[in-house]
């Protein structure tokens, strides 16, 4: 089945993956609706054709030993709570 390949950065400390770019991988099957070799018209109603794409594949092209930006902000907000300023609502 056809699927997307997501290139991105993997943060080892928090195990988060941040997507940077996506590319399409064609399965080249004639019965796949998403393939460039699909044999039917664009409005295909054939029961034998594959109508779902496979799950995207994550491809870590950068590996970072630190936490991602969201996790850094989350821990920073937990440590230093917001202080109310007089006169502000």
PDB file of N, CA and C in Angstrom:
ATOM      1  N   UNK A   1       0.827  -1.180   0.000  1.00  0.00           N
ATOM      2  CA  UNK A   1       0.000   0.000   0.000  1.00  0.00           C
ATOM      3  C   UNK A   1       0.877   1.251   0.000  1.00  0.00           C
ATOM      4  N   UNK A   2       0.365   2.290  -0.585  1.00  0.00           N
ATOM      5  CA  UNK A   2       1.073   3.569  -0.586  1.00  0.00           C
ATOM      6  C   UNK A   2       1.104   4.139   0.834  1.00  0.00           C
ATOM      7  N   UNK A   3       2.130   4.931   1.124  1.00  0.00           N
ATOM      8  CA  UNK A   3       2.219   5.563   2.437  1.00  0.00           C
ATOM      9  C   UNK A   3       3.081   6.826   2.356  1.00  0.00           C
ATOM     10  N   UNK A   4       3.013   7.631   3.402  1.00  0.00           N
ATOM     11  CA  UNK A   4       3.834   8.830   3.517  1.00  0.00           C
ATOM     12  C   UNK A   4       5.040   8.526   4.384  1.00  0.00           C
ATOM     13  N   UNK A   5       6.149   9.163   4.055  1.00  0.00           N
ATOM     14  CA  UNK A   5       7.362   9.073   4.861  1.00  0.00           C
ATOM     15  C   UNK A   5       7.592  10.449   5.467  1.00  0.00           C
ATOM     16  N   UNK A   6       7.658  10.517   6.797  1.00  0.00           N
ATOM     17  CA  UNK A   6       7.811  11.783   7.493  1.00  0.00           C
ATOM     18  C   UNK A   6       9.245  11.886   8.009  1.00  0.00           C
ATOM     19  N   UNK A   7      10.002  12.836   7.455  1.00  0.00           N
ATOM     20  CA  UNK A   7      11.349  13.119   7.941  1.00  0.00           C
ATOM     21  C   UNK A   7      11.244  14.110   9.091  1.00  0.00           C
ATOM     22  N   UNK A   8      12.075  13.927  10.113  1.00  0.00           N
ATOM     23  CA  UNK A   8      11.993  14.846  11.239  1.00  0.00           C
ATOM     24  C   UNK A   8      13.098  14.653  12.247  1.00  0.00           C
ATOM     25  N   UNK A   9      12.933  15.345  13.356  1.00  0.00           N
ATOM     26  CA  UNK A   9      13.904  15.329  14.454  1.00  0.00           C
ATOM     27  C   UNK A   9      13.338  14.509  15.608  1.00  0.00           C
ATOM     28  N   UNK A  10      14.150  13.579  16.109  1.00  0.00           N
ATOM     29  CA  UNK A  10      13.756  12.738  17.242  1.00  0.00           C
ATOM     30  C   UNK A  10      14.508  13.197  18.478  1.00  0.00           C
ATOM     31  N   UNK A  11      13.763  13.503  19.527  1.00  0.00           N
ATOM     32  CA  UNK A  11      14.356  13.944  20.800  1.00  0.00           C
ATOM     33  C   UNK A  11      14.422  12.746  21.734  1.00  0.00           C
ATOM     34  N   UNK A  12      15.630  12.307  22.066  1.00  0.00           N
ATOM     35  CA  UNK A  12      15.803  11.076  22.839  1.00  0.00           C
ATOM     36  C   UNK A  12      15.371  11.224  24.291  1.00  0.00           C
ATOM     37  N   UNK A  13      15.498  12.408  24.866  1.00  0.00           N
ATOM     38  CA  UNK A  13      15.179  12.570  26.287  1.00  0.00           C
ATOM     39  C   UNK A  13      13.675  12.466  26.558  1.00  0.00           C
ATOM     40  N   UNK A  14      12.847  12.981  25.655  1.00  0.00           N
ATOM     41  CA  UNK A  14      11.393  12.931  25.862  1.00  0.00           C
ATOM     42  C   UNK A  14      10.689  11.999  24.872  1.00  0.00           C
ATOM     43  N   UNK A  15      11.414  11.423  23.934  1.00  0.00           N
ATOM     44  CA  UNK A  15      10.899  10.486  22.923  1.00  0.00           C
ATOM     45  C   UNK A  15       9.864  11.104  21.978  1.00  0.00           C
ATOM     46  N   UNK A  16       9.938  12.413  21.761  1.00  0.00           N
ATOM     47  CA  UNK A  16       9.019  13.067  20.822  1.00  0.00           C
ATOM     48  C   UNK A  16       9.661  13.185  19.449  1.00  0.00           C
ATOM     49  N   UNK A  17       8.815  13.148  18.432  1.00  0.00           N
ATOM     50  CA  UNK A  17       9.255  13.254  17.048  1.00  0.00           C
ATOM     51  C   UNK A  17       8.615  14.506  16.457  1.00  0.00           C
ATOM     52  N   UNK A  18       9.435  15.419  15.939  1.00  0.00           N
ATOM     53  CA  UNK A  18       8.959  16.658  15.338  1.00  0.00           C
ATOM     54  C   UNK A  18       9.138  16.549  13.831  1.00  0.00           C
ATOM     55  N   UNK A  19       8.027  16.604  13.102  1.00  0.00           N
ATOM     56  CA  UNK A  19       8.060  16.465  11.643  1.00  0.00           C
ATOM     57  C   UNK A  19       8.686  17.687  10.991  1.00  0.00           C
ATOM     58  N   UNK A  20       9.488  17.452   9.952  1.00  0.00           N
ATOM     59  CA  UNK A  20      10.121  18.538   9.205  1.00  0.00           C
ATOM     60  C   UNK A  20       9.659  18.542   7.747  1.00  0.00           C
ATOM     61  N   UNK A  21       9.475  17.384   7.153  1.00  0.00           N
ATOM     62  CA  UNK A  21       8.997  17.284   5.767  1.00  0.00           C
ATOM     63  C   UNK A  21       8.338  15.926   5.555  1.00  0.00           C
ATOM     64  N   UNK A  22       7.533  15.856   4.515  1.00  0.00           N
ATOM     65  CA  UNK A  22       6.806  14.630   4.189  1.00  0.00           C
ATOM     66  C   UNK A  22       6.953  14.325   2.708  1.00  0.00           C
ATOM     67  N   UNK A  23       7.142  13.054   2.396  1.00  0.00           N
ATOM     68  CA  UNK A  23       7.170  12.642   0.991  1.00  0.00           C
ATOM     69  C   UNK A  23       6.296  11.407   0.826  1.00  0.00           C
ATOM     70  N   UNK A  24       5.810  11.209  -0.385  1.00  0.00           N
ATOM     71  CA  UNK A  24       4.877  10.139  -0.705  1.00  0.00           C
ATOM     72  C   UNK A  24       5.634   8.955  -1.300  1.00  0.00           C
ATOM     73  N   UNK A  25       5.355   7.753  -0.808  1.00  0.00           N
ATOM     74  CA  UNK A  25       5.952   6.525  -1.327  1.00  0.00           C
ATOM     75  C   UNK A  25       4.887   5.748  -2.090  1.00  0.00           C
ATOM     76  N   UNK A  26       5.074   5.602  -3.398  1.00  0.00           N
ATOM     77  CA  UNK A  26       4.119   4.917  -4.263  1.00  0.00           C
ATOM     78  C   UNK A  26       4.390   3.418  -4.228  1.00  0.00           C
ATOM     79  N   UNK A  27       3.326   2.609  -4.060  1.00  0.00           N
ATOM     80  CA  UNK A  27       3.478   1.149  -4.030  1.00  0.00           C
ATOM     81  C   UNK A  27       3.470   0.541  -5.437  1.00  0.00           C
ATOM     82  N   UNK A  28       3.072   1.319  -6.432  1.00  0.00           N
ATOM     83  CA  UNK A  28       3.041   0.919  -7.847  1.00  0.00           C
ATOM     84  C   UNK A  28       2.114  -0.265  -8.126  1.00  0.00           C
ATOM     85  N   UNK A  29       1.109  -0.468  -7.289  1.00  0.00           N
ATOM     86  CA  UNK A  29       0.137  -1.541  -7.518  1.00  0.00           C
ATOM     87  C   UNK A  29      -1.011  -1.007  -8.378  1.00  0.00           C
ATOM     88  N   UNK A  30      -1.450  -1.777  -9.347  1.00  0.00           N
ATOM     89  CA  UNK A  30      -2.548  -1.308 -10.201  1.00  0.00           C
ATOM     90  C   UNK A  30      -3.905  -1.263  -9.493  1.00  0.00           C
ATOM     91  N   UNK A  31      -4.028  -1.948  -8.351  1.00  0.00           N
ATOM     92  CA  UNK A  31      -5.308  -1.927  -7.639  1.00  0.00           C
ATOM     93  C   UNK A  31      -5.307  -0.981  -6.434  1.00  0.00           C
ATOM     94  N   UNK A  32      -4.306  -0.142  -6.304  1.00  0.00           N
ATOM     95  CA  UNK A  32      -4.235   0.834  -5.210  1.00  0.00           C
ATOM     96  C   UNK A  32      -4.759   2.177  -5.714  1.00  0.00           C
ATOM     97  N   UNK A  33      -5.722   2.726  -5.025  1.00  0.00           N
ATOM     98  CA  UNK A  33      -6.374   3.964  -5.420  1.00  0.00           C
ATOM     99  C   UNK A  33      -5.407   5.152  -5.436  1.00  0.00           C
ATOM    100  N   UNK A  34      -4.362   5.113  -4.618  1.00  0.00           N
ATOM    101  CA  UNK A  34      -3.421   6.228  -4.490  1.00  0.00           C
ATOM    102  C   UNK A  34      -2.207   6.101  -5.406  1.00  0.00           C
ATOM    103  N   UNK A  35      -2.030   4.954  -6.029  1.00  0.00           N
ATOM    104  CA  UNK A  35      -0.863   4.698  -6.865  1.00  0.00           C
ATOM    105  C   UNK A  35      -0.954   5.410  -8.212  1.00  0.00           C
ATOM    106  N   UNK A  36       0.199   5.743  -8.761  1.00  0.00           N
ATOM    107  CA  UNK A  36       0.235   6.349 -10.098  1.00  0.00           C
ATOM    108  C   UNK A  36      -0.100   5.322 -11.174  1.00  0.00           C
ATOM    109  N   UNK A  37      -0.056   4.048 -10.845  1.00  0.00           N
ATOM    110  CA  UNK A  37      -0.389   2.979 -11.787  1.00  0.00           C
ATOM    111  C   UNK A  37      -1.812   2.437 -11.613  1.00  0.00           C
ATOM    112  N   UNK A  38      -2.665   3.174 -10.932  1.00  0.00           N
ATOM    113  CA  UNK A  38      -4.049   2.733 -10.722  1.00  0.00           C
ATOM    114  C   UNK A  38      -4.742   2.599 -12.070  1.00  0.00           C
ATOM    115  N   UNK A  39      -5.388   1.454 -12.309  1.00  0.00           N
ATOM    116  CA  UNK A  39      -5.919   1.142 -13.637  1.00  0.00           C
ATOM    117  C   UNK A  39      -7.306   1.705 -13.915  1.00  0.00           C
ATOM    118  N   UNK A  40      -8.040   2.134 -12.887  1.00  0.00           N
ATOM    119  CA  UNK A  40      -9.396   2.619 -13.086  1.00  0.00           C
ATOM    120  C   UNK A  40      -9.427   4.146 -13.166  1.00  0.00           C
ATOM    121  N   UNK A  41     -10.608   4.664 -13.454  1.00  0.00           N
ATOM    122  CA  UNK A  41     -10.793   6.112 -13.511  1.00  0.00           C
ATOM    123  C   UNK A  41     -10.654   6.740 -12.126  1.00  0.00           C
ATOM    124  N   UNK A  42     -10.662   8.074 -12.078  1.00  0.00           N
ATOM    125  CA  UNK A  42     -10.491   8.758 -10.795  1.00  0.00           C
ATOM    126  C   UNK A  42     -11.646   8.486  -9.835  1.00  0.00           C
ATOM    127  N   UNK A  43     -12.837   8.284 -10.329  1.00  0.00           N
ATOM    128  CA  UNK A  43     -13.988   7.972  -9.472  1.00  0.00           C
ATOM    129  C   UNK A  43     -14.175   6.456  -9.404  1.00  0.00           C
ATOM    130  N   UNK A  44     -13.180   5.753  -8.967  1.00  0.00           N
ATOM    131  CA  UNK A  44     -13.177   4.286  -8.939  1.00  0.00           C
ATOM    132  C   UNK A  44     -14.160   3.766  -7.890  1.00  0.00           C
ATOM    133  N   UNK A  45     -14.999   2.815  -8.295  1.00  0.00           N
ATOM    134  CA  UNK A  45     -15.957   2.190  -7.375  1.00  0.00           C
ATOM    135  C   UNK A  45     -15.733   0.682  -7.276  1.00  0.00           C
ATOM    136  N   UNK A  46     -14.607   0.219  -7.754  1.00  0.00           N
ATOM    137  CA  UNK A  46     -14.322  -1.212  -7.752  1.00  0.00           C
ATOM    138  C   UNK A  46     -14.082  -1.707  -6.323  1.00  0.00           C
ATOM    139  N   UNK A  47     -14.678  -2.831  -5.960  1.00  0.00           N
ATOM    140  CA  UNK A  47     -14.506  -3.418  -4.632  1.00  0.00           C
ATOM    141  C   UNK A  47     -13.128  -4.048  -4.449  1.00  0.00           C
ATOM    142  N   UNK A  48     -12.444  -4.345  -5.552  1.00  0.00           N
ATOM    143  CA  UNK A  48     -11.138  -5.002  -5.460  1.00  0.00           C
ATOM    144  C   UNK A  48      -9.994  -4.010  -5.251  1.00  0.00           C
ATOM    145  N   UNK A  49     -10.255  -2.717  -5.352  1.00  0.00           N
ATOM    146  CA  UNK A  49      -9.184  -1.724  -5.204  1.00  0.00           C
ATOM    147  C   UNK A  49      -8.934  -1.377  -3.735  1.00  0.00           C
ATOM    148  N   UNK A  50      -7.685  -1.138  -3.422  1.00  0.00           N
ATOM    149  CA  UNK A  50      -7.273  -0.762  -2.065  1.00  0.00           C
ATOM    150  C   UNK A  50      -7.628   0.707  -1.863  1.00  0.00           C
ATOM    151  N   UNK A  51      -8.410   0.999  -0.804  1.00  0.00           N
ATOM    152  CA  UNK A  51      -8.896   2.348  -0.573  1.00  0.00           C
ATOM    153  C   UNK A  51      -8.247   3.045   0.611  1.00  0.00           C
ATOM    154  N   UNK A  52      -7.337   2.382   1.283  1.00  0.00           N
ATOM    155  CA  UNK A  52      -6.674   2.966   2.446  1.00  0.00           C
ATOM    156  C   UNK A  52      -5.169   3.039   2.233  1.00  0.00           C
ATOM    157  N   UNK A  53      -4.574   4.066   2.796  1.00  0.00           N
ATOM    158  CA  UNK A  53      -3.109   4.163   2.776  1.00  0.00           C
ATOM    159  C   UNK A  53      -2.570   3.492   4.032  1.00  0.00           C
ATOM    160  N   UNK A  54      -1.351   3.027   3.964  1.00  0.00           N
ATOM    161  CA  UNK A  54      -0.688   2.475   5.141  1.00  0.00           C
ATOM    162  C   UNK A  54      -0.342   3.625   6.090  1.00  0.00           C
ATOM    163  N   UNK A  55      -0.078   3.303   7.341  1.00  0.00           N
ATOM    164  CA  UNK A  55       0.305   4.329   8.310  1.00  0.00           C
ATOM    165  C   UNK A  55       1.615   4.989   7.883  1.00  0.00           C
ATOM    166  N   UNK A  56       1.768   6.271   8.169  1.00  0.00           N
ATOM    167  CA  UNK A  56       3.012   6.940   7.786  1.00  0.00           C
ATOM    168  C   UNK A  56       4.216   6.381   8.544  1.00  0.00           C
ATOM    169  N   UNK A  57       5.363   6.425   7.895  1.00  0.00           N
ATOM    170  CA  UNK A  57       6.606   5.964   8.490  1.00  0.00           C
ATOM    171  C   UNK A  57       7.411   7.164   8.957  1.00  0.00           C
ATOM    172  N   UNK A  58       7.880   7.122  10.203  1.00  0.00           N
ATOM    173  CA  UNK A  58       8.702   8.215  10.735  1.00  0.00           C
ATOM    174  C   UNK A  58      10.173   7.909  10.456  1.00  0.00           C
ATOM    175  N   UNK A  59      10.859   8.865   9.857  1.00  0.00           N
ATOM    176  CA  UNK A  59      12.263   8.714   9.504  1.00  0.00           C
ATOM    177  C   UNK A  59      13.065   9.795  10.229  1.00  0.00           C
ATOM    178  N   UNK A  60      13.735   9.465  11.348  1.00  0.00           N
ATOM    179  CA  UNK A  60      14.498  10.485  12.069  1.00  0.00           C
ATOM    180  C   UNK A  60      15.788  10.841  11.316  1.00  0.00           C
ATOM    181  N   UNK A  61      15.817  12.044  10.736  1.00  0.00           N
ATOM    182  CA  UNK A  61      17.008  12.486  10.021  1.00  0.00           C
ATOM    183  C   UNK A  61      17.921  13.317  10.924  1.00  0.00           C
ATOM    184  N   UNK A  62      17.391  13.768  12.044  1.00  0.00           N
ATOM    185  CA  UNK A  62      18.169  14.468  13.066  1.00  0.00           C
ATOM    186  C   UNK A  62      17.833  13.822  14.409  1.00  0.00           C
ATOM    187  N   UNK A  63      18.852  13.580  15.233  1.00  0.00           N
ATOM    188  CA  UNK A  63      18.630  13.025  16.568  1.00  0.00           C
ATOM    189  C   UNK A  63      19.193  14.006  17.575  1.00  0.00           C
ATOM    190  N   UNK A  64      18.320  14.444  18.477  1.00  0.00           N
ATOM    191  CA  UNK A  64      18.697  15.445  19.466  1.00  0.00           C
ATOM    192  C   UNK A  64      18.688  14.807  20.857  1.00  0.00           C
ATOM    193  N   UNK A  65      19.756  14.971  21.631  1.00  0.00           N
ATOM    194  CA  UNK A  65      19.793  14.373  22.965  1.00  0.00           C
ATOM    195  C   UNK A  65      18.975  15.155  23.993  1.00  0.00           C
ATOM    196  N   UNK A  66      18.456  16.324  23.636  1.00  0.00           N
ATOM    197  CA  UNK A  66      17.722  17.161  24.586  1.00  0.00           C
ATOM    198  C   UNK A  66      16.214  16.952  24.453  1.00  0.00           C
ATOM    199  N   UNK A  67      15.445  17.620  25.315  1.00  0.00           N
ATOM    200  CA  UNK A  67      13.991  17.595  25.229  1.00  0.00           C
ATOM    201  C   UNK A  67      13.531  18.494  24.088  1.00  0.00           C
ATOM    202  N   UNK A  68      12.320  18.246  23.602  1.00  0.00           N
ATOM    203  CA  UNK A  68      11.754  19.099  22.553  1.00  0.00           C
ATOM    204  C   UNK A  68      11.308  20.434  23.165  1.00  0.00           C
ATOM    205  N   UNK A  69      11.002  21.394  22.313  1.00  0.00           N
ATOM    206  CA  UNK A  69      10.613  22.726  22.772  1.00  0.00           C
ATOM    207  C   UNK A  69       9.362  22.720  23.632  1.00  0.00           C
ATOM    208  N   UNK A  70       8.385  21.892  23.295  1.00  0.00           N
ATOM    209  CA  UNK A  70       7.149  21.821  24.084  1.00  0.00           C
ATOM    210  C   UNK A  70       7.417  21.305  25.496  1.00  0.00           C
ATOM    211  N   UNK A  71       8.262  20.302  25.615  1.00  0.00           N
ATOM    212  CA  UNK A  71       8.574  19.743  26.933  1.00  0.00           C
ATOM    213  C   UNK A  71       9.388  20.724  27.773  1.00  0.00           C
ATOM    214  N   UNK A  72      10.281  21.476  27.130  1.00  0.00           N
ATOM    215  CA  UNK A  72      11.058  22.488  27.855  1.00  0.00           C
ATOM    216  C   UNK A  72      10.120  23.561  28.397  1.00  0.00           C
ATOM    217  N   UNK A  73       9.183  24.041  27.575  1.00  0.00           N
ATOM    218  CA  UNK A  73       8.226  25.051  28.034  1.00  0.00           C
ATOM    219  C   UNK A  73       7.324  24.503  29.134  1.00  0.00           C
ATOM    220  N   UNK A  74       6.919  23.258  29.017  1.00  0.00           N
ATOM    221  CA  UNK A  74       6.045  22.650  30.020  1.00  0.00           C
ATOM    222  C   UNK A  74       6.746  22.568  31.373  1.00  0.00           C
ATOM    223  N   UNK A  75       7.992  22.124  31.396  1.00  0.00           N
ATOM    224  CA  UNK A  75       8.720  22.041  32.673  1.00  0.00           C
ATOM    225  C   UNK A  75       9.033  23.430  33.216  1.00  0.00           C
ATOM    226  N   UNK A  76       9.277  24.402  32.342  1.00  0.00           N
ATOM    227  CA  UNK A  76       9.543  25.770  32.779  1.00  0.00           C
ATOM    228  C   UNK A  76       8.292  26.370  33.428  1.00  0.00           C
ATOM    229  N   UNK A  77       7.107  26.122  32.857  1.00  0.00           N
ATOM    230  CA  UNK A  77       5.855  26.629  33.417  1.00  0.00           C
ATOM    231  C   UNK A  77       5.521  25.965  34.743  1.00  0.00           C
ATOM    232  N   UNK A  78       5.885  24.712  34.918  1.00  0.00           N
ATOM    233  CA  UNK A  78       5.630  24.018  36.174  1.00  0.00           C
ATOM    234  C   UNK A  78       6.521  24.548  37.288  1.00  0.00           C
ATOM    235  N   UNK A  79       7.758  24.942  36.952  1.00  0.00           N
ATOM    236  CA  UNK A  79       8.714  25.404  37.954  1.00  0.00           C
ATOM    237  C   UNK A  79       8.424  26.851  38.341  1.00  0.00           C
ATOM    238  N   UNK A  80       8.166  27.725  37.378  1.00  0.00           N
ATOM    239  CA  UNK A  80       7.924  29.142  37.658  1.00  0.00           C
ATOM    240  C   UNK A  80       6.498  29.507  37.257  1.00  0.00           C
ATOM    241  N   UNK A  81       5.559  29.514  38.212  1.00  0.00           N
ATOM    242  CA  UNK A  81       4.184  29.869  37.877  1.00  0.00           C
ATOM    243  C   UNK A  81       4.081  31.352  37.518  1.00  0.00           C
ATOM    244  N   UNK A  82       3.047  31.700  36.773  1.00  0.00           N
ATOM    245  CA  UNK A  82       2.837  33.084  36.363  1.00  0.00           C
ATOM    246  C   UNK A  82       2.509  33.933  37.590  1.00  0.00           C
ATOM    247  N   UNK A  83       3.095  35.116  37.669  1.00  0.00           N
ATOM    248  CA  UNK A  83       2.871  36.043  38.785  1.00  0.00           C
ATOM    249  C   UNK A  83       1.923  37.118  38.292  1.00  0.00           C
ATOM    250  N   UNK A  84       0.853  37.394  39.061  1.00  0.00           N
ATOM    251  CA  UNK A  84      -0.088  38.440  38.696  1.00  0.00           C
ATOM    252  C   UNK A  84       0.511  39.802  38.973  1.00  0.00           C
ATOM    253  N   UNK A  85       0.329  40.698  38.045  1.00  0.00           N
ATOM    254  CA  UNK A  85       0.812  42.056  38.188  1.00  0.00           C
ATOM    255  C   UNK A  85      -0.356  42.923  38.662  1.00  0.00           C
ATOM    256  N   UNK A  86      -0.092  43.800  39.606  1.00  0.00           N
ATOM    257  CA  UNK A  86      -1.147  44.668  40.146  1.00  0.00           C
ATOM    258  C   UNK A  86      -1.731  45.525  39.030  1.00  0.00           C
ATOM    259  N   UNK A  87      -3.054  45.651  39.011  1.00  0.00           N
ATOM    260  CA  UNK A  87      -3.714  46.449  37.980  1.00  0.00           C
ATOM    261  C   UNK A  87      -4.088  45.664  36.746  1.00  0.00           C
ATOM    262  N   UNK A  88      -3.609  44.446  36.580  1.00  0.00           N
ATOM    263  CA  UNK A  88      -3.913  43.614  35.416  1.00  0.00           C
ATOM    264  C   UNK A  88      -4.990  42.612  35.827  1.00  0.00           C
ATOM    265  N   UNK A  89      -5.929  42.343  34.966  1.00  0.00           N
ATOM    266  CA  UNK A  89      -6.976  41.363  35.249  1.00  0.00           C
ATOM    267  C   UNK A  89      -6.780  40.143  34.424  1.00  0.00           C
TER     268      UNK A  89
END
